[in-house]
Full PDB file with SEQRES, HELIX, SHEET, SSBOND, CRYST1, ORIGX, SCALE, CONECT and MASTER records, all heavy atoms in Angstrom:
SEQRES   1 A   43  LYS GLU LYS LEU GLY PRO GLU SER GLY VAL ARG PHE LEU          
SEQRES   2 A   43  ALA ASP ASP LYS GLY ALA PHE THR SER ALA LEU GLY LEU          
SEQRES   3 A   43  LEU PHE ASP ALA SER PRO LYS LEU GLY GLY PRO ARG ALA          
SEQRES   4 A   43  LYS ARG TYR ALA                                              
HELIX    1 AA1 ALA A   19  ALA A   23  1                                   5    
HELIX    2 AA2 SER A   31  LEU A   34  1                                   4    
SHEET    1 AA1 2 LEU A  27  ASP A  29  0                                        
SHEET    2 AA1 2 PRO A  37  ALA A  39 -1                                        
CRYST1    1.000    1.000    1.000  90.00  90.00  90.00 P 1           1          
ORIGX1      1.000000  0.000000  0.000000        0.00000                         
ORIGX2      0.000000  1.000000  0.000000        0.00000                         
ORIGX3      0.000000  0.000000  1.000000        0.00000                         
SCALE1      1.000000  0.000000  0.000000        0.00000                         
SCALE2      0.000000  1.000000  0.000000        0.00000                         
SCALE3      0.000000  0.000000  1.000000        0.00000                         
ATOM      1  N   LYS A   1       0.841  -1.203   0.000  1.00  0.00           N  
ATOM      2  CA  LYS A   1       0.000   0.000   0.000  1.00  0.00           C  
ATOM      3  C   LYS A   1       0.870   1.246   0.000  1.00  0.00           C  
ATOM      4  O   LYS A   1       0.596   2.208  -0.717  1.00  0.00           O  
ATOM      5  CB  LYS A   1      -0.953   0.031   1.182  1.00  0.00           C  
ATOM      6  CG  LYS A   1      -1.773   1.317   1.174  1.00  0.00           C  
ATOM      7  CD  LYS A   1      -2.702   1.490   2.325  1.00  0.00           C  
ATOM      8  CE  LYS A   1      -3.356   2.849   2.157  1.00  0.00           C  
ATOM      9  NZ  LYS A   1      -4.601   3.006   2.795  1.00  0.00           N  
ATOM     10  N   GLU A   2       1.913   1.253   0.804  1.00  0.00           N  
ATOM     11  CA  GLU A   2       2.821   2.414   0.859  1.00  0.00           C  
ATOM     12  C   GLU A   2       3.446   2.683  -0.502  1.00  0.00           C  
ATOM     13  O   GLU A   2       3.646   3.832  -0.876  1.00  0.00           O  
ATOM     14  CB  GLU A   2       3.897   2.204   1.921  1.00  0.00           C  
ATOM     15  CG  GLU A   2       3.378   2.288   3.341  1.00  0.00           C  
ATOM     16  CD  GLU A   2       2.731   3.627   3.663  1.00  0.00           C  
ATOM     17  OE1 GLU A   2       3.335   4.682   3.364  1.00  0.00           O  
ATOM     18  OE2 GLU A   2       1.616   3.629   4.209  1.00  0.00           O  
ATOM     19  N   LYS A   3       3.733   1.650  -1.241  1.00  0.00           N  
ATOM     20  CA  LYS A   3       4.329   1.816  -2.570  1.00  0.00           C  
ATOM     21  C   LYS A   3       3.293   2.304  -3.588  1.00  0.00           C  
ATOM     22  O   LYS A   3       3.589   3.174  -4.404  1.00  0.00           O  
ATOM     23  CB  LYS A   3       4.946   0.507  -3.045  1.00  0.00           C  
ATOM     24  CG  LYS A   3       5.584   0.600  -4.426  1.00  0.00           C  
ATOM     25  CD  LYS A   3       6.315  -0.670  -4.776  1.00  0.00           C  
ATOM     26  CE  LYS A   3       6.824  -0.682  -6.179  1.00  0.00           C  
ATOM     27  NZ  LYS A   3       7.816   0.288  -6.509  1.00  0.00           N  
ATOM     28  N   LEU A   4       2.086   1.747  -3.539  1.00  0.00           N  
ATOM     29  CA  LEU A   4       1.078   2.048  -4.561  1.00  0.00           C  
ATOM     30  C   LEU A   4       0.263   3.311  -4.307  1.00  0.00           C  
ATOM     31  O   LEU A   4      -0.067   4.029  -5.249  1.00  0.00           O  
ATOM     32  CB  LEU A   4       0.107   0.872  -4.722  1.00  0.00           C  
ATOM     33  CG  LEU A   4       0.671  -0.404  -5.297  1.00  0.00           C  
ATOM     34  CD1 LEU A   4      -0.427  -1.451  -5.400  1.00  0.00           C  
ATOM     35  CD2 LEU A   4       1.324  -0.182  -6.644  1.00  0.00           C  
ATOM     36  N   GLY A   5      -0.107   3.543  -3.068  1.00  0.00           N  
ATOM     37  CA  GLY A   5      -1.002   4.676  -2.813  1.00  0.00           C  
ATOM     38  C   GLY A   5      -1.230   4.926  -1.351  1.00  0.00           C  
ATOM     39  O   GLY A   5      -2.338   4.713  -0.852  1.00  0.00           O  
ATOM     40  N   PRO A   6      -0.207   5.399  -0.635  1.00  0.00           N  
ATOM     41  CA  PRO A   6      -0.356   5.560   0.817  1.00  0.00           C  
ATOM     42  C   PRO A   6      -1.432   6.569   1.218  1.00  0.00           C  
ATOM     43  O   PRO A   6      -2.022   6.445   2.271  1.00  0.00           O  
ATOM     44  CB  PRO A   6       1.024   6.020   1.272  1.00  0.00           C  
ATOM     45  CG  PRO A   6       1.672   6.586   0.059  1.00  0.00           C  
ATOM     46  CD  PRO A   6       1.105   5.819  -1.101  1.00  0.00           C  
ATOM     47  N   GLU A   7      -1.713   7.532   0.361  1.00  0.00           N  
ATOM     48  CA  GLU A   7      -2.704   8.558   0.688  1.00  0.00           C  
ATOM     49  C   GLU A   7      -4.057   8.294   0.044  1.00  0.00           C  
ATOM     50  O   GLU A   7      -4.967   9.094   0.188  1.00  0.00           O  
ATOM     51  CB  GLU A   7      -2.180   9.938   0.260  1.00  0.00           C  
ATOM     52  CG  GLU A   7      -0.859  10.322   0.894  1.00  0.00           C  
ATOM     53  CD  GLU A   7      -0.903  10.340   2.417  1.00  0.00           C  
ATOM     54  OE1 GLU A   7      -1.903  10.815   2.990  1.00  0.00           O  
ATOM     55  OE2 GLU A   7       0.061   9.862   3.036  1.00  0.00           O  
ATOM     56  N   SER A   8      -4.178   7.197  -0.682  1.00  0.00           N  
ATOM     57  CA  SER A   8      -5.440   6.917  -1.360  1.00  0.00           C  
ATOM     58  C   SER A   8      -6.484   6.433  -0.359  1.00  0.00           C  
ATOM     59  O   SER A   8      -6.158   5.988   0.736  1.00  0.00           O  
ATOM     60  CB  SER A   8      -5.245   5.866  -2.447  1.00  0.00           C  
ATOM     61  OG  SER A   8      -5.229   4.572  -1.896  1.00  0.00           O  
ATOM     62  N   GLY A   9      -7.739   6.490  -0.764  1.00  0.00           N  
ATOM     63  CA  GLY A   9      -8.809   5.974   0.073  1.00  0.00           C  
ATOM     64  C   GLY A   9      -8.979   4.470  -0.032  1.00  0.00           C  
ATOM     65  O   GLY A   9      -9.729   3.867   0.731  1.00  0.00           O  
ATOM     66  N   VAL A  10      -8.283   3.849  -0.972  1.00  0.00           N  
ATOM     67  CA  VAL A  10      -8.370   2.393  -1.131  1.00  0.00           C  
ATOM     68  C   VAL A  10      -7.748   1.730   0.090  1.00  0.00           C  
ATOM     69  O   VAL A  10      -6.660   2.092   0.524  1.00  0.00           O  
ATOM     70  CB  VAL A  10      -7.667   1.947  -2.434  1.00  0.00           C  
ATOM     71  CG1 VAL A  10      -7.653   0.430  -2.541  1.00  0.00           C  
ATOM     72  CG2 VAL A  10      -8.343   2.563  -3.647  1.00  0.00           C  
ATOM     73  N   ARG A  11      -8.459   0.760   0.630  1.00  0.00           N  
ATOM     74  CA  ARG A  11      -7.997   0.074   1.840  1.00  0.00           C  
ATOM     75  C   ARG A  11      -7.385  -1.273   1.468  1.00  0.00           C  
ATOM     76  O   ARG A  11      -7.907  -1.984   0.614  1.00  0.00           O  
ATOM     77  CB  ARG A  11      -9.161  -0.097   2.810  1.00  0.00           C  
ATOM     78  CG  ARG A  11      -9.668   1.268   3.272  1.00  0.00           C  
ATOM     79  CD  ARG A  11     -10.910   1.185   4.080  1.00  0.00           C  
ATOM     80  NE  ARG A  11     -10.675   0.560   5.368  1.00  0.00           N  
ATOM     81  CZ  ARG A  11     -11.620   0.446   6.304  1.00  0.00           C  
ATOM     82  NH1 ARG A  11     -12.837   0.910   6.077  1.00  0.00           N  
ATOM     83  NH2 ARG A  11     -11.352  -0.137   7.454  1.00  0.00           N  
ATOM     84  N   PHE A  12      -6.298  -1.626   2.125  1.00  0.00           N  
ATOM     85  CA  PHE A  12      -5.583  -2.867   1.874  1.00  0.00           C  
ATOM     86  C   PHE A  12      -5.703  -3.740   3.117  1.00  0.00           C  
ATOM     87  O   PHE A  12      -5.346  -3.314   4.214  1.00  0.00           O  
ATOM     88  CB  PHE A  12      -4.112  -2.586   1.578  1.00  0.00           C  
ATOM     89  CG  PHE A  12      -3.868  -1.971   0.227  1.00  0.00           C  
ATOM     90  CD1 PHE A  12      -4.325  -0.703  -0.091  1.00  0.00           C  
ATOM     91  CD2 PHE A  12      -3.153  -2.668  -0.737  1.00  0.00           C  
ATOM     92  CE1 PHE A  12      -4.107  -0.135  -1.338  1.00  0.00           C  
ATOM     93  CE2 PHE A  12      -2.912  -2.116  -1.989  1.00  0.00           C  
ATOM     94  CZ  PHE A  12      -3.395  -0.847  -2.286  1.00  0.00           C  
ATOM     95  N   LEU A  13      -6.203  -4.967   2.936  1.00  0.00           N  
ATOM     96  CA  LEU A  13      -6.442  -5.900   4.035  1.00  0.00           C  
ATOM     97  C   LEU A  13      -5.681  -7.190   3.782  1.00  0.00           C  
ATOM     98  O   LEU A  13      -5.755  -7.737   2.682  1.00  0.00           O  
ATOM     99  CB  LEU A  13      -7.931  -6.206   4.145  1.00  0.00           C  
ATOM    100  CG  LEU A  13      -8.866  -5.010   4.264  1.00  0.00           C  
ATOM    101  CD1 LEU A  13     -10.315  -5.467   4.176  1.00  0.00           C  
ATOM    102  CD2 LEU A  13      -8.625  -4.254   5.552  1.00  0.00           C  
ATOM    103  N   ALA A  14      -5.003  -7.691   4.778  1.00  0.00           N  
ATOM    104  CA  ALA A  14      -4.233  -8.921   4.641  1.00  0.00           C  
ATOM    105  C   ALA A  14      -5.079 -10.140   4.991  1.00  0.00           C  
ATOM    106  O   ALA A  14      -5.641 -10.224   6.077  1.00  0.00           O  
ATOM    107  CB  ALA A  14      -3.004  -8.872   5.552  1.00  0.00           C  
ATOM    108  N   ASP A  15      -5.162 -11.064   4.040  1.00  0.00           N  
ATOM    109  CA  ASP A  15      -5.791 -12.373   4.269  1.00  0.00           C  
ATOM    110  C   ASP A  15      -4.630 -13.342   4.454  1.00  0.00           C  
ATOM    111  O   ASP A  15      -4.333 -14.152   3.584  1.00  0.00           O  
ATOM    112  CB  ASP A  15      -6.660 -12.730   3.060  1.00  0.00           C  
ATOM    113  CG  ASP A  15      -7.439 -14.021   3.240  1.00  0.00           C  
ATOM    114  OD1 ASP A  15      -7.519 -14.544   4.371  1.00  0.00           O  
ATOM    115  OD2 ASP A  15      -7.978 -14.510   2.229  1.00  0.00           O  
ATOM    116  N   ASP A  16      -3.954 -13.237   5.582  1.00  0.00           N  
ATOM    117  CA  ASP A  16      -2.657 -13.898   5.758  1.00  0.00           C  
ATOM    118  C   ASP A  16      -2.689 -15.416   5.675  1.00  0.00           C  
ATOM    119  O   ASP A  16      -1.709 -16.026   5.266  1.00  0.00           O  
ATOM    120  CB  ASP A  16      -1.956 -13.425   7.031  1.00  0.00           C  
ATOM    121  CG  ASP A  16      -2.772 -13.618   8.301  1.00  0.00           C  
ATOM    122  OD1 ASP A  16      -3.917 -14.122   8.240  1.00  0.00           O  
ATOM    123  OD2 ASP A  16      -2.259 -13.236   9.366  1.00  0.00           O  
ATOM    124  N   LYS A  17      -3.771 -16.031   6.002  1.00  0.00           N  
ATOM    125  CA  LYS A  17      -3.878 -17.495   5.909  1.00  0.00           C  
ATOM    126  C   LYS A  17      -4.755 -17.944   4.749  1.00  0.00           C  
ATOM    127  O   LYS A  17      -4.973 -19.136   4.561  1.00  0.00           O  
ATOM    128  CB  LYS A  17      -4.401 -18.065   7.219  1.00  0.00           C  
ATOM    129  CG  LYS A  17      -3.441 -17.839   8.367  1.00  0.00           C  
ATOM    130  CD  LYS A  17      -3.985 -18.373   9.652  1.00  0.00           C  
ATOM    131  CE  LYS A  17      -2.975 -18.090  10.750  1.00  0.00           C  
ATOM    132  NZ  LYS A  17      -3.571 -18.034  12.060  1.00  0.00           N  
ATOM    133  N   GLY A  18      -5.301 -16.991   4.019  1.00  0.00           N  
ATOM    134  CA  GLY A  18      -6.187 -17.325   2.906  1.00  0.00           C  
ATOM    135  C   GLY A  18      -7.558 -17.790   3.356  1.00  0.00           C  
ATOM    136  O   GLY A  18      -8.329 -18.313   2.552  1.00  0.00           O  
ATOM    137  N   ALA A  19      -7.904 -17.579   4.611  1.00  0.00           N  
ATOM    138  CA  ALA A  19      -9.174 -18.075   5.141  1.00  0.00           C  
ATOM    139  C   ALA A  19     -10.375 -17.352   4.533  1.00  0.00           C  
ATOM    140  O   ALA A  19     -11.387 -17.985   4.209  1.00  0.00           O  
ATOM    141  CB  ALA A  19      -9.198 -17.952   6.663  1.00  0.00           C  
ATOM    142  N   PHE A  20     -10.284 -16.037   4.371  1.00  0.00           N  
ATOM    143  CA  PHE A  20     -11.385 -15.287   3.762  1.00  0.00           C  
ATOM    144  C   PHE A  20     -11.580 -15.736   2.315  1.00  0.00           C  
ATOM    145  O   PHE A  20     -12.687 -16.038   1.891  1.00  0.00           O  
ATOM    146  CB  PHE A  20     -11.109 -13.779   3.828  1.00  0.00           C  
ATOM    147  CG  PHE A  20     -12.149 -12.952   3.129  1.00  0.00           C  
ATOM    148  CD1 PHE A  20     -13.377 -12.718   3.732  1.00  0.00           C  
ATOM    149  CD2 PHE A  20     -11.914 -12.423   1.871  1.00  0.00           C  
ATOM    150  CE1 PHE A  20     -14.359 -11.966   3.085  1.00  0.00           C  
ATOM    151  CE2 PHE A  20     -12.880 -11.675   1.220  1.00  0.00           C  
ATOM    152  CZ  PHE A  20     -14.105 -11.448   1.830  1.00  0.00           C  
ATOM    153  N   THR A  21     -10.482 -15.811   1.583  1.00  0.00           N  
ATOM    154  CA  THR A  21     -10.530 -16.224   0.179  1.00  0.00           C  
ATOM    155  C   THR A  21     -11.049 -17.650   0.046  1.00  0.00           C  
ATOM    156  O   THR A  21     -11.835 -17.951  -0.847  1.00  0.00           O  
ATOM    157  CB  THR A  21      -9.133 -16.081  -0.449  1.00  0.00           C  
ATOM    158  OG1 THR A  21      -8.716 -14.720  -0.298  1.00  0.00           O  
ATOM    159  CG2 THR A  21      -9.124 -16.454  -1.902  1.00  0.00           C  
ATOM    160  N   SER A  22     -10.640 -18.517   0.943  1.00  0.00           N  
ATOM    161  CA  SER A  22     -11.115 -19.893   0.929  1.00  0.00           C  
ATOM    162  C   SER A  22     -12.626 -19.949   1.180  1.00  0.00           C  
ATOM    163  O   SER A  22     -13.340 -20.701   0.514  1.00  0.00           O  
ATOM    164  CB  SER A  22     -10.377 -20.722   1.982  1.00  0.00           C  
ATOM    165  OG  SER A  22     -10.823 -22.060   1.967  1.00  0.00           O  
ATOM    166  N   ALA A  23     -13.117 -19.116   2.112  1.00  0.00           N  
ATOM    167  CA  ALA A  23     -14.553 -19.089   2.398  1.00  0.00           C  
ATOM    168  C   ALA A  23     -15.354 -18.622   1.181  1.00  0.00           C  
ATOM    169  O   ALA A  23     -16.521 -18.984   1.037  1.00  0.00           O  
ATOM    170  CB  ALA A  23     -14.833 -18.186   3.595  1.00  0.00           C  
ATOM    171  N   LEU A  24     -14.719 -17.845   0.309  1.00  0.00           N  
ATOM    172  CA  LEU A  24     -15.367 -17.425  -0.934  1.00  0.00           C  
ATOM    173  C   LEU A  24     -15.302 -18.506  -2.009  1.00  0.00           C  
ATOM    174  O   LEU A  24     -15.939 -18.391  -3.046  1.00  0.00           O  
ATOM    175  CB  LEU A  24     -14.702 -16.159  -1.489  1.00  0.00           C  
ATOM    176  CG  LEU A  24     -14.946 -14.869  -0.735  1.00  0.00           C  
ATOM    177  CD1 LEU A  24     -14.049 -13.766  -1.272  1.00  0.00           C  
ATOM    178  CD2 LEU A  24     -16.414 -14.468  -0.826  1.00  0.00           C  
ATOM    179  N   GLY A  25     -14.490 -19.541  -1.779  1.00  0.00           N  
ATOM    180  CA  GLY A  25     -14.302 -20.580  -2.781  1.00  0.00           C  
ATOM    181  C   GLY A  25     -13.375 -20.137  -3.901  1.00  0.00           C  
ATOM    182  O   GLY A  25     -13.442 -20.665  -5.006  1.00  0.00           O  
ATOM    183  N   LEU A  26     -12.503 -19.171  -3.617  1.00  0.00           N  
ATOM    184  CA  LEU A  26     -11.656 -18.587  -4.656  1.00  0.00           C  
ATOM    185  C   LEU A  26     -10.162 -18.744  -4.379  1.00  0.00           C  
ATOM    186  O   LEU A  26      -9.344 -17.972  -4.866  1.00  0.00           O  
ATOM    187  CB  LEU A  26     -12.013 -17.103  -4.835  1.00  0.00           C  
ATOM    188  CG  LEU A  26     -13.417 -16.856  -5.372  1.00  0.00           C  
ATOM    189  CD1 LEU A  26     -13.762 -15.373  -5.335  1.00  0.00           C  
ATOM    190  CD2 LEU A  26     -13.552 -17.410  -6.788  1.00  0.00           C  
ATOM    191  N   LEU A  27      -9.799 -19.760  -3.640  1.00  0.00           N  
ATOM    192  CA  LEU A  27      -8.399 -20.060  -3.362  1.00  0.00           C  
ATOM    193  C   LEU A  27      -7.895 -21.057  -4.392  1.00  0.00           C  
ATOM    194  O   LEU A  27      -8.639 -21.938  -4.816  1.00  0.00           O  
ATOM    195  CB  LEU A  27      -8.290 -20.666  -1.959  1.00  0.00           C  
ATOM    196  CG  LEU A  27      -6.960 -20.616  -1.245  1.00  0.00           C  
ATOM    197  CD1 LEU A  27      -6.568 -19.174  -0.939  1.00  0.00           C  
ATOM    198  CD2 LEU A  27      -7.045 -21.408   0.055  1.00  0.00           C  
ATOM    199  N   PHE A  28      -6.647 -20.895  -4.821  1.00  0.00           N  
ATOM    200  CA  PHE A  28      -6.050 -21.883  -5.726  1.00  0.00           C  
ATOM    201  C   PHE A  28      -4.623 -22.172  -5.275  1.00  0.00           C  
ATOM    202  O   PHE A  28      -4.019 -21.410  -4.521  1.00  0.00           O  
ATOM    203  CB  PHE A  28      -6.097 -21.410  -7.187  1.00  0.00           C  
ATOM    204  CG  PHE A  28      -5.041 -20.408  -7.569  1.00  0.00           C  
ATOM    205  CD1 PHE A  28      -3.931 -20.794  -8.312  1.00  0.00           C  
ATOM    206  CD2 PHE A  28      -5.150 -19.082  -7.189  1.00  0.00           C  
ATOM    207  CE1 PHE A  28      -2.963 -19.871  -8.669  1.00  0.00           C  
ATOM    208  CE2 PHE A  28      -4.188 -18.153  -7.545  1.00  0.00           C  
ATOM    209  CZ  PHE A  28      -3.086 -18.549  -8.286  1.00  0.00           C  
ATOM    210  N   ASP A  29      -4.099 -23.287  -5.725  1.00  0.00           N  
ATOM    211  CA  ASP A  29      -2.743 -23.693  -5.354  1.00  0.00           C  
ATOM    212  C   ASP A  29      -1.739 -22.991  -6.259  1.00  0.00           C  
ATOM    213  O   ASP A  29      -1.578 -23.343  -7.425  1.00  0.00           O  
ATOM    214  CB  ASP A  29      -2.590 -25.212  -5.460  1.00  0.00           C  
ATOM    215  CG  ASP A  29      -1.214 -25.685  -5.025  1.00  0.00           C  
ATOM    216  OD1 ASP A  29      -0.405 -24.863  -4.539  1.00  0.00           O  
ATOM    217  OD2 ASP A  29      -0.943 -26.892  -5.156  1.00  0.00           O  
ATOM    218  N   ALA A  30      -1.064 -21.991  -5.702  1.00  0.00           N  
ATOM    219  CA  ALA A  30      -0.049 -21.235  -6.447  1.00  0.00           C  
ATOM    220  C   ALA A  30       1.354 -21.624  -6.001  1.00  0.00           C  
ATOM    221  O   ALA A  30       2.296 -20.856  -6.188  1.00  0.00           O  
ATOM    222  CB  ALA A  30      -0.275 -19.742  -6.251  1.00  0.00           C  
ATOM    223  N   SER A  31       1.490 -22.808  -5.421  1.00  0.00           N  
ATOM    224  CA  SER A  31       2.782 -23.240  -4.886  1.00  0.00           C  
ATOM    225  C   SER A  31       3.943 -23.132  -5.869  1.00  0.00           C  
ATOM    226  O   SER A  31       5.022 -22.685  -5.483  1.00  0.00           O  
ATOM    227  CB  SER A  31       2.695 -24.676  -4.364  1.00  0.00           C  
ATOM    228  OG  SER A  31       1.793 -24.740  -3.296  1.00  0.00           O  
ATOM    229  N   PRO A  32       3.777 -23.518  -7.130  1.00  0.00           N  
ATOM    230  CA  PRO A  32       4.929 -23.458  -8.035  1.00  0.00           C  
ATOM    231  C   PRO A  32       5.526 -22.057  -8.206  1.00  0.00           C  
ATOM    232  O   PRO A  32       6.732 -21.918  -8.345  1.00  0.00           O  
ATOM    233  CB  PRO A  32       4.377 -23.972  -9.364  1.00  0.00           C  
ATOM    234  CG  PRO A  32       3.207 -24.816  -8.987  1.00  0.00           C  
ATOM    235  CD  PRO A  32       2.621 -24.144  -7.770  1.00  0.00           C  
ATOM    236  N   LYS A  33       4.702 -21.024  -8.174  1.00  0.00           N  
ATOM    237  CA  LYS A  33       5.224 -19.669  -8.406  1.00  0.00           C  
ATOM    238  C   LYS A  33       5.223 -18.788  -7.169  1.00  0.00           C  
ATOM    239  O   LYS A  33       6.085 -17.928  -7.030  1.00  0.00           O  
ATOM    240  CB  LYS A  33       4.428 -18.981  -9.511  1.00  0.00           C  
ATOM    241  CG  LYS A  33       4.627 -19.668 -10.839  1.00  0.00           C  
ATOM    242  CD  LYS A  33       4.193 -18.822 -11.978  1.00  0.00           C  
ATOM    243  CE  LYS A  33       4.416 -19.635 -13.235  1.00  0.00           C  
ATOM    244  NZ  LYS A  33       4.809 -18.904 -14.351  1.00  0.00           N  
ATOM    245  N   LEU A  34       4.243 -18.968  -6.280  1.00  0.00           N  
ATOM    246  CA  LEU A  34       4.107 -18.067  -5.136  1.00  0.00           C  
ATOM    247  C   LEU A  34       4.249 -18.764  -3.789  1.00  0.00           C  
ATOM    248  O   LEU A  34       4.039 -18.141  -2.755  1.00  0.00           O  
ATOM    249  CB  LEU A  34       2.770 -17.315  -5.216  1.00  0.00           C  
ATOM    250  CG  LEU A  34       2.591 -16.436  -6.454  1.00  0.00           C  
ATOM    251  CD1 LEU A  34       1.192 -15.836  -6.485  1.00  0.00           C  
ATOM    252  CD2 LEU A  34       3.641 -15.345  -6.515  1.00  0.00           C  
ATOM    253  N   GLY A  35       4.553 -20.046  -3.797  1.00  0.00           N  
ATOM    254  CA  GLY A  35       4.885 -20.742  -2.566  1.00  0.00           C  
ATOM    255  C   GLY A  35       3.741 -21.326  -1.768  1.00  0.00           C  
ATOM    256  O   GLY A  35       3.979 -21.995  -0.768  1.00  0.00           O  
ATOM    257  N   GLY A  36       2.516 -21.105  -2.160  1.00  0.00           N  
ATOM    258  CA  GLY A  36       1.398 -21.649  -1.397  1.00  0.00           C  
ATOM    259  C   GLY A  36       0.078 -21.223  -1.997  1.00  0.00           C  
ATOM    260  O   GLY A  36       0.030 -20.664  -3.097  1.00  0.00           O  
ATOM    261  N   PRO A  37      -1.018 -21.468  -1.279  1.00  0.00           N  
ATOM    262  CA  PRO A  37      -2.334 -21.107  -1.798  1.00  0.00           C  
ATOM    263  C   PRO A  37      -2.484 -19.589  -1.887  1.00  0.00           C  
ATOM    264  O   PRO A  37      -1.981 -18.854  -1.038  1.00  0.00           O  
ATOM    265  CB  PRO A  37      -3.312 -21.690  -0.782  1.00  0.00           C  
ATOM    266  CG  PRO A  37      -2.521 -22.122   0.382  1.00  0.00           C  
ATOM    267  CD  PRO A  37      -1.088 -22.123   0.021  1.00  0.00           C  
ATOM    268  N   ARG A  38      -3.168 -19.137  -2.921  1.00  0.00           N  
ATOM    269  CA  ARG A  38      -3.391 -17.707  -3.144  1.00  0.00           C  
ATOM    270  C   ARG A  38      -4.799 -17.492  -3.685  1.00  0.00           C  
ATOM    271  O   ARG A  38      -5.476 -18.420  -4.102  1.00  0.00           O  
ATOM    272  CB  ARG A  38      -2.380 -17.140  -4.150  1.00  0.00           C  
ATOM    273  CG  ARG A  38      -0.929 -17.197  -3.706  1.00  0.00           C  
ATOM    274  CD  ARG A  38      -0.691 -16.346  -2.465  1.00  0.00           C  
ATOM    275  NE  ARG A  38       0.685 -16.423  -2.029  1.00  0.00           N  
ATOM    276  CZ  ARG A  38       1.551 -15.418  -2.090  1.00  0.00           C  
ATOM    277  NH1 ARG A  38       1.179 -14.247  -2.560  1.00  0.00           N  
ATOM    278  NH2 ARG A  38       2.781 -15.580  -1.666  1.00  0.00           N  
ATOM    279  N   ALA A  39      -5.189 -16.231  -3.734  1.00  0.00           N  
ATOM    280  CA  ALA A  39      -6.502 -15.863  -4.257  1.00  0.00           C  
ATOM    281  C   ALA A  39      -6.486 -15.888  -5.776  1.00  0.00           C  
ATOM    282  O   ALA A  39      -5.512 -15.461  -6.399  1.00  0.00           O  
ATOM    283  CB  ALA A  39      -6.885 -14.462  -3.783  1.00  0.00           C  
ATOM    284  N   LYS A  40      -7.573 -16.386  -6.344  1.00  0.00           N  
ATOM    285  CA  LYS A  40      -7.799 -16.125  -7.759  1.00  0.00           C  
ATOM    286  C   LYS A  40      -8.017 -14.614  -7.854  1.00  0.00           C  
ATOM    287  O   LYS A  40      -8.371 -13.965  -6.871  1.00  0.00           O  
ATOM    288  CB  LYS A  40      -9.051 -16.861  -8.251  1.00  0.00           C  
ATOM    289  CG  LYS A  40      -8.895 -18.358  -8.251  1.00  0.00           C  
ATOM    290  CD  LYS A  40     -10.175 -19.024  -8.731  1.00  0.00           C  
ATOM    291  CE  LYS A  40     -10.011 -20.529  -8.719  1.00  0.00           C  
ATOM    292  NZ  LYS A  40     -11.230 -21.213  -9.186  1.00  0.00           N  
ATOM    293  N   ARG A  41      -7.809 -14.043  -9.022  1.00  0.00           N  
ATOM    294  CA  ARG A  41      -8.046 -12.605  -9.181  1.00  0.00           C  
ATOM    295  C   ARG A  41      -9.553 -12.395  -9.360  1.00  0.00           C  
ATOM    296  O   ARG A  41     -10.148 -12.911 -10.294  1.00  0.00           O  
ATOM    297  CB  ARG A  41      -7.278 -12.072 -10.387  1.00  0.00           C  
ATOM    298  CG  ARG A  41      -7.345 -10.555 -10.514  1.00  0.00           C  
ATOM    299  CD  ARG A  41      -6.490 -10.059 -11.659  1.00  0.00           C  
ATOM    300  NE  ARG A  41      -5.172 -10.641 -11.646  1.00  0.00           N  
ATOM    301  CZ  ARG A  41      -4.160 -10.253 -10.852  1.00  0.00           C  
ATOM    302  NH1 ARG A  41      -4.343  -9.247 -10.011  1.00  0.00           N  
ATOM    303  NH2 ARG A  41      -2.993 -10.855 -10.905  1.00  0.00           N  
ATOM    304  N   TYR A  42     -10.138 -11.635  -8.438  1.00  0.00           N  
ATOM    305  CA  TYR A  42     -11.583 -11.428  -8.496  1.00  0.00           C  
ATOM    306  C   TYR A  42     -11.954 -10.009  -8.070  1.00  0.00           C  
ATOM    307  O   TYR A  42     -11.183  -9.318  -7.402  1.00  0.00           O  
ATOM    308  CB  TYR A  42     -12.330 -12.451  -7.623  1.00  0.00           C  
ATOM    309  CG  TYR A  42     -12.073 -12.330  -6.138  1.00  0.00           C  
ATOM    310  CD1 TYR A  42     -12.817 -11.448  -5.352  1.00  0.00           C  
ATOM    311  CD2 TYR A  42     -11.107 -13.102  -5.514  1.00  0.00           C  
ATOM    312  CE1 TYR A  42     -12.595 -11.344  -3.991  1.00  0.00           C  
ATOM    313  CE2 TYR A  42     -10.874 -13.003  -4.154  1.00  0.00           C  
ATOM    314  CZ  TYR A  42     -11.618 -12.119  -3.393  1.00  0.00           C  
ATOM    315  OH  TYR A  42     -11.386 -12.009  -2.041  1.00  0.00           O  
ATOM    316  N   ALA A  43     -13.140  -9.606  -8.462  1.00  0.00           N  
ATOM    317  CA  ALA A  43     -13.749  -8.362  -8.001  1.00  0.00           C  
ATOM    318  C   ALA A  43     -15.192  -8.684  -7.628  1.00  0.00           C  
ATOM    319  O   ALA A  43     -15.918  -9.285  -8.417  1.00  0.00           O  
ATOM    320  CB  ALA A  43     -13.717  -7.299  -9.095  1.00  0.00           C  
TER     321      ALA A  43                                                      
MASTER        0    0    0    2    2    0    0    6  320    1    0    4          
END                                                                             
């Protein structure tokens, strides 16, 4: 957030364990490139 827009109104929230994303059914295994489960890109 500090790099992209520290003064912007956009809020950045950490889903550190992927639990929120998993509850949405939007978690995928990104182990080969990102080391573990990650969010699909969604809006």
